[in-house]
Amino acid sequence: MLPKLDPLLHSELRLAVMSILAGVDEADFTYLKEQTGATSGNLSVQIDKLSEAGYIAVEKGFKGKMPRTTCRITSQGVEAFRNYVKSLKKYIGAGRKSSAQ
């Protein structure tokens, strides 16, 4: 039986944010927006969902006089992301097994 995929990470934009954050110490909102091509409103909503789940930590501050939102993946987020990737690999492996039969 295939494992259940984390519905929070199964969203394209949330998965993109988590993928980016898994490879860096932190990323600011502008960088995430540029990398994902998301609108500010949609990205903000998805960041809030990831933060509420404990997958990312969000820090709001200022760089000079400009507001700055910085995100980083939490240990809980790293674990959830690893489990998600592991589950996807099982789906891929199951597809290869069935096509080989």
N, C-alpha and C. Protein backbone atom coordinates (compact mmCIF):
# COMPACT_ATOMS: atom_id res chain seq x y z
N MET A 1 0.85 -1.19 0.00
CA MET A 1 0.00 0.00 0.00
C MET A 1 0.89 1.24 0.00
N LEU A 2 0.52 2.21 -0.81
CA LEU A 2 1.30 3.43 -0.92
C LEU A 2 1.01 4.36 0.27
N PRO A 3 2.04 5.08 0.72
CA PRO A 3 1.84 5.99 1.85
C PRO A 3 1.01 7.20 1.45
N LYS A 4 0.36 7.78 2.43
CA LYS A 4 -0.43 8.98 2.20
C LYS A 4 0.52 10.18 2.06
N LEU A 5 0.26 11.02 1.08
CA LEU A 5 1.07 12.22 0.89
C LEU A 5 0.54 13.34 1.78
N ASP A 6 1.45 14.07 2.39
CA ASP A 6 1.09 15.21 3.25
C ASP A 6 0.35 16.24 2.41
N PRO A 7 -0.95 16.47 2.65
CA PRO A 7 -1.71 17.40 1.83
C PRO A 7 -1.18 18.83 1.90
N LEU A 8 -0.55 19.18 2.98
CA LEU A 8 0.01 20.53 3.10
C LEU A 8 1.17 20.72 2.12
N LEU A 9 1.95 19.69 1.91
CA LEU A 9 3.08 19.79 0.99
C LEU A 9 2.72 19.43 -0.44
N HIS A 10 1.55 18.89 -0.64
CA HIS A 10 1.15 18.45 -1.97
C HIS A 10 0.72 19.63 -2.85
N SER A 11 0.62 20.81 -2.30
CA SER A 11 0.32 22.01 -3.07
C SER A 11 1.60 22.45 -3.80
N GLU A 12 1.47 22.79 -5.07
CA GLU A 12 2.63 23.14 -5.88
C GLU A 12 3.43 24.30 -5.28
N LEU A 13 2.77 25.36 -4.86
CA LEU A 13 3.49 26.52 -4.33
C LEU A 13 4.12 26.22 -2.97
N ARG A 14 3.39 25.54 -2.09
CA ARG A 14 3.96 25.21 -0.78
C ARG A 14 5.14 24.26 -0.94
N LEU A 15 5.04 23.32 -1.86
CA LEU A 15 6.15 22.41 -2.12
C LEU A 15 7.35 23.17 -2.67
N ALA A 16 7.11 24.13 -3.54
CA ALA A 16 8.20 24.95 -4.09
C ALA A 16 8.89 25.73 -2.98
N VAL A 17 8.13 26.34 -2.09
CA VAL A 17 8.70 27.10 -0.97
C VAL A 17 9.55 26.18 -0.09
N MET A 18 9.01 25.02 0.23
CA MET A 18 9.74 24.08 1.08
C MET A 18 11.01 23.59 0.39
N SER A 19 10.94 23.34 -0.91
CA SER A 19 12.11 22.89 -1.67
C SER A 19 13.21 23.95 -1.65
N ILE A 20 12.83 25.19 -1.81
CA ILE A 20 13.81 26.28 -1.76
C ILE A 20 14.41 26.38 -0.37
N LEU A 21 13.56 26.40 0.64
CA LEU A 21 14.05 26.57 2.01
C LEU A 21 14.88 25.39 2.49
N ALA A 22 14.65 24.21 1.93
CA ALA A 22 15.44 23.03 2.31
C ALA A 22 16.89 23.16 1.87
N GLY A 23 17.14 24.02 0.89
CA GLY A 23 18.49 24.17 0.37
C GLY A 23 19.24 25.41 0.81
N VAL A 24 18.62 26.24 1.65
CA VAL A 24 19.26 27.49 2.10
C VAL A 24 19.06 27.66 3.60
N ASP A 25 19.84 28.52 4.21
CA ASP A 25 19.65 28.82 5.64
C ASP A 25 18.35 29.58 5.86
N GLU A 26 18.11 30.54 4.98
CA GLU A 26 16.89 31.35 5.05
C GLU A 26 16.69 32.03 3.71
N ALA A 27 15.48 32.50 3.48
CA ALA A 27 15.17 33.23 2.25
C ALA A 27 14.14 34.30 2.56
N ASP A 28 14.32 35.46 1.93
CA ASP A 28 13.34 36.50 2.17
C ASP A 28 12.18 36.38 1.18
N PHE A 29 11.11 37.08 1.51
CA PHE A 29 9.86 37.00 0.75
C PHE A 29 10.10 37.32 -0.72
N THR A 30 10.89 38.36 -0.99
CA THR A 30 11.15 38.78 -2.37
C THR A 30 11.82 37.66 -3.16
N TYR A 31 12.80 37.00 -2.56
CA TYR A 31 13.49 35.90 -3.22
C TYR A 31 12.52 34.75 -3.51
N LEU A 32 11.71 34.39 -2.53
CA LEU A 32 10.74 33.32 -2.72
C LEU A 32 9.74 33.67 -3.83
N LYS A 33 9.33 34.92 -3.87
CA LYS A 33 8.39 35.37 -4.88
C LYS A 33 9.02 35.27 -6.27
N GLU A 34 10.27 35.71 -6.39
CA GLU A 34 10.97 35.64 -7.68
C GLU A 34 11.16 34.19 -8.13
N GLN A 35 11.55 33.33 -7.21
CA GLN A 35 11.84 31.94 -7.55
C GLN A 35 10.59 31.14 -7.91
N THR A 36 9.49 31.45 -7.27
CA THR A 36 8.26 30.69 -7.51
C THR A 36 7.36 31.30 -8.58
N GLY A 37 7.53 32.59 -8.84
CA GLY A 37 6.66 33.27 -9.79
C GLY A 37 5.26 33.52 -9.24
N ALA A 38 5.11 33.38 -7.93
CA ALA A 38 3.80 33.56 -7.28
C ALA A 38 3.48 35.03 -7.10
N THR A 39 2.20 35.31 -6.95
CA THR A 39 1.80 36.67 -6.59
C THR A 39 2.09 36.88 -5.11
N SER A 40 2.22 38.12 -4.71
CA SER A 40 2.48 38.42 -3.30
C SER A 40 1.39 37.87 -2.40
N GLY A 41 0.13 38.05 -2.80
CA GLY A 41 -0.99 37.59 -1.98
C GLY A 41 -1.01 36.09 -1.81
N ASN A 42 -0.83 35.35 -2.90
CA ASN A 42 -0.86 33.90 -2.83
C ASN A 42 0.33 33.38 -2.01
N LEU A 43 1.51 33.93 -2.26
CA LEU A 43 2.69 33.49 -1.51
C LEU A 43 2.51 33.76 -0.03
N SER A 44 1.97 34.90 0.32
CA SER A 44 1.74 35.24 1.72
C SER A 44 0.81 34.24 2.40
N VAL A 45 -0.26 33.87 1.72
CA VAL A 45 -1.21 32.90 2.27
C VAL A 45 -0.54 31.55 2.48
N GLN A 46 0.25 31.11 1.50
CA GLN A 46 0.89 29.80 1.60
C GLN A 46 1.98 29.79 2.68
N ILE A 47 2.70 30.87 2.82
CA ILE A 47 3.70 31.00 3.90
C ILE A 47 3.01 30.91 5.25
N ASP A 48 1.87 31.58 5.38
CA ASP A 48 1.11 31.51 6.64
C ASP A 48 0.70 30.08 6.97
N LYS A 49 0.25 29.32 5.96
CA LYS A 49 -0.16 27.93 6.18
C LYS A 49 1.02 27.08 6.63
N LEU A 50 2.17 27.26 5.99
CA LEU A 50 3.36 26.49 6.37
C LEU A 50 3.83 26.87 7.78
N SER A 51 3.72 28.15 8.10
CA SER A 51 4.11 28.63 9.42
C SER A 51 3.19 28.09 10.50
N GLU A 52 1.88 28.12 10.25
CA GLU A 52 0.90 27.60 11.21
C GLU A 52 1.10 26.12 11.48
N ALA A 53 1.58 25.38 10.47
CA ALA A 53 1.84 23.95 10.62
C ALA A 53 3.16 23.68 11.35
N GLY A 54 3.95 24.73 11.54
CA GLY A 54 5.25 24.57 12.20
C GLY A 54 6.36 24.14 11.26
N TYR A 55 6.08 24.16 9.95
CA TYR A 55 7.07 23.72 8.96
C TYR A 55 8.12 24.79 8.67
N ILE A 56 7.74 26.06 8.81
CA ILE A 56 8.70 27.15 8.61
C ILE A 56 8.55 28.17 9.74
N ALA A 57 9.62 28.91 9.96
CA ALA A 57 9.59 30.02 10.90
C ALA A 57 9.66 31.31 10.08
N VAL A 58 8.84 32.26 10.44
CA VAL A 58 8.77 33.53 9.72
C VAL A 58 9.18 34.64 10.66
N GLU A 59 10.10 35.46 10.19
CA GLU A 59 10.57 36.60 10.98
C GLU A 59 10.32 37.87 10.19
N LYS A 60 9.61 38.80 10.81
CA LYS A 60 9.34 40.07 10.15
C LYS A 60 10.20 41.15 10.80
N GLY A 61 10.78 41.96 9.96
CA GLY A 61 11.65 43.03 10.46
C GLY A 61 11.82 44.09 9.38
N PHE A 62 12.92 44.79 9.47
CA PHE A 62 13.21 45.85 8.51
C PHE A 62 14.65 45.73 8.04
N LYS A 63 14.86 46.07 6.77
CA LYS A 63 16.19 46.23 6.22
C LYS A 63 16.26 47.70 5.84
N GLY A 64 16.92 48.47 6.68
CA GLY A 64 16.84 49.92 6.54
C GLY A 64 15.44 50.34 6.93
N LYS A 65 14.76 51.02 6.02
CA LYS A 65 13.38 51.43 6.28
C LYS A 65 12.37 50.54 5.57
N MET A 66 12.87 49.55 4.86
CA MET A 66 11.99 48.66 4.11
C MET A 66 11.61 47.44 4.94
N PRO A 67 10.33 47.07 4.96
CA PRO A 67 9.93 45.86 5.67
C PRO A 67 10.55 44.63 5.00
N ARG A 68 10.89 43.64 5.81
CA ARG A 68 11.51 42.43 5.29
C ARG A 68 10.96 41.23 6.04
N THR A 69 10.48 40.25 5.28
CA THR A 69 9.99 38.99 5.84
C THR A 69 10.97 37.90 5.44
N THR A 70 11.49 37.20 6.44
CA THR A 70 12.47 36.14 6.20
C THR A 70 11.88 34.82 6.68
N CYS A 71 12.10 33.77 5.88
CA CYS A 71 11.58 32.45 6.21
C CYS A 71 12.74 31.46 6.29
N ARG A 72 12.57 30.50 7.19
CA ARG A 72 13.53 29.39 7.27
C ARG A 72 12.75 28.14 7.63
N ILE A 73 13.26 27.01 7.18
CA ILE A 73 12.61 25.74 7.45
C ILE A 73 12.94 25.32 8.88
N THR A 74 11.98 24.75 9.58
CA THR A 74 12.18 24.26 10.94
C THR A 74 12.58 22.78 10.90
N SER A 75 12.99 22.24 12.03
CA SER A 75 13.31 20.82 12.08
C SER A 75 12.07 19.98 11.77
N GLN A 76 10.92 20.44 12.23
CA GLN A 76 9.66 19.75 11.90
C GLN A 76 9.40 19.80 10.40
N GLY A 77 9.70 20.93 9.77
CA GLY A 77 9.54 21.08 8.34
C GLY A 77 10.50 20.19 7.55
N VAL A 78 11.74 20.10 8.04
CA VAL A 78 12.72 19.23 7.39
C VAL A 78 12.23 17.79 7.41
N GLU A 79 11.73 17.36 8.56
CA GLU A 79 11.22 15.99 8.70
C GLU A 79 10.02 15.75 7.79
N ALA A 80 9.10 16.69 7.75
CA ALA A 80 7.91 16.56 6.90
C ALA A 80 8.32 16.51 5.42
N PHE A 81 9.27 17.35 5.04
CA PHE A 81 9.74 17.39 3.66
C PHE A 81 10.43 16.08 3.29
N ARG A 82 11.28 15.57 4.17
CA ARG A 82 11.95 14.29 3.92
C ARG A 82 10.94 13.16 3.76
N ASN A 83 9.95 13.12 4.65
CA ASN A 83 8.92 12.08 4.56
C ASN A 83 8.13 12.19 3.26
N TYR A 84 7.85 13.41 2.84
CA TYR A 84 7.12 13.63 1.60
C TYR A 84 7.92 13.09 0.41
N VAL A 85 9.20 13.44 0.37
CA VAL A 85 10.07 12.98 -0.72
C VAL A 85 10.18 11.45 -0.70
N LYS A 86 10.32 10.89 0.49
CA LYS A 86 10.39 9.43 0.64
C LYS A 86 9.11 8.77 0.10
N SER A 87 7.98 9.36 0.42
CA SER A 87 6.70 8.82 -0.06
C SER A 87 6.60 8.91 -1.58
N LEU A 88 7.04 10.05 -2.13
CA LEU A 88 7.01 10.19 -3.59
C LEU A 88 7.88 9.14 -4.27
N LYS A 89 9.02 8.84 -3.68
CA LYS A 89 9.90 7.82 -4.24
C LYS A 89 9.21 6.46 -4.25
N LYS A 90 8.40 6.19 -3.24
CA LYS A 90 7.65 4.93 -3.21
C LYS A 90 6.61 4.90 -4.33
N TYR A 91 5.97 6.03 -4.60
CA TYR A 91 5.01 6.11 -5.70
C TYR A 91 5.72 5.86 -7.03
N ILE A 92 6.89 6.47 -7.20
CA ILE A 92 7.66 6.30 -8.43
C ILE A 92 8.10 4.86 -8.58
N GLY A 93 8.58 4.28 -7.50
CA GLY A 93 9.01 2.87 -7.52
C GLY A 93 7.86 1.94 -7.84
N ALA A 94 6.68 2.22 -7.33
CA ALA A 94 5.50 1.38 -7.58
C ALA A 94 5.13 1.45 -9.07
N GLY A 95 5.28 2.62 -9.66
CA GLY A 95 4.97 2.77 -11.07
C GLY A 95 5.94 2.00 -11.95
N ARG A 96 7.20 1.98 -11.56
CA ARG A 96 8.21 1.24 -12.32
C ARG A 96 7.98 -0.26 -12.22
N LYS A 97 7.59 -0.72 -11.02
CA LYS A 97 7.35 -2.15 -10.82
C LYS A 97 6.18 -2.63 -11.66
N SER A 98 5.11 -1.82 -11.69
CA SER A 98 3.91 -2.25 -12.43
C SER A 98 4.15 -2.22 -13.93
N SER A 99 4.96 -1.31 -14.44
CA SER A 99 5.21 -1.25 -15.89
C SER A 99 6.18 -2.35 -16.31
N ALA A 100 6.97 -2.87 -15.38
CA ALA A 100 7.92 -3.93 -15.71
C ALA A 100 7.24 -5.30 -15.74
N GLN A 101 6.06 -5.41 -15.16
CA GLN A 101 5.38 -6.71 -15.09
C GLN A 101 4.72 -7.07 -16.38
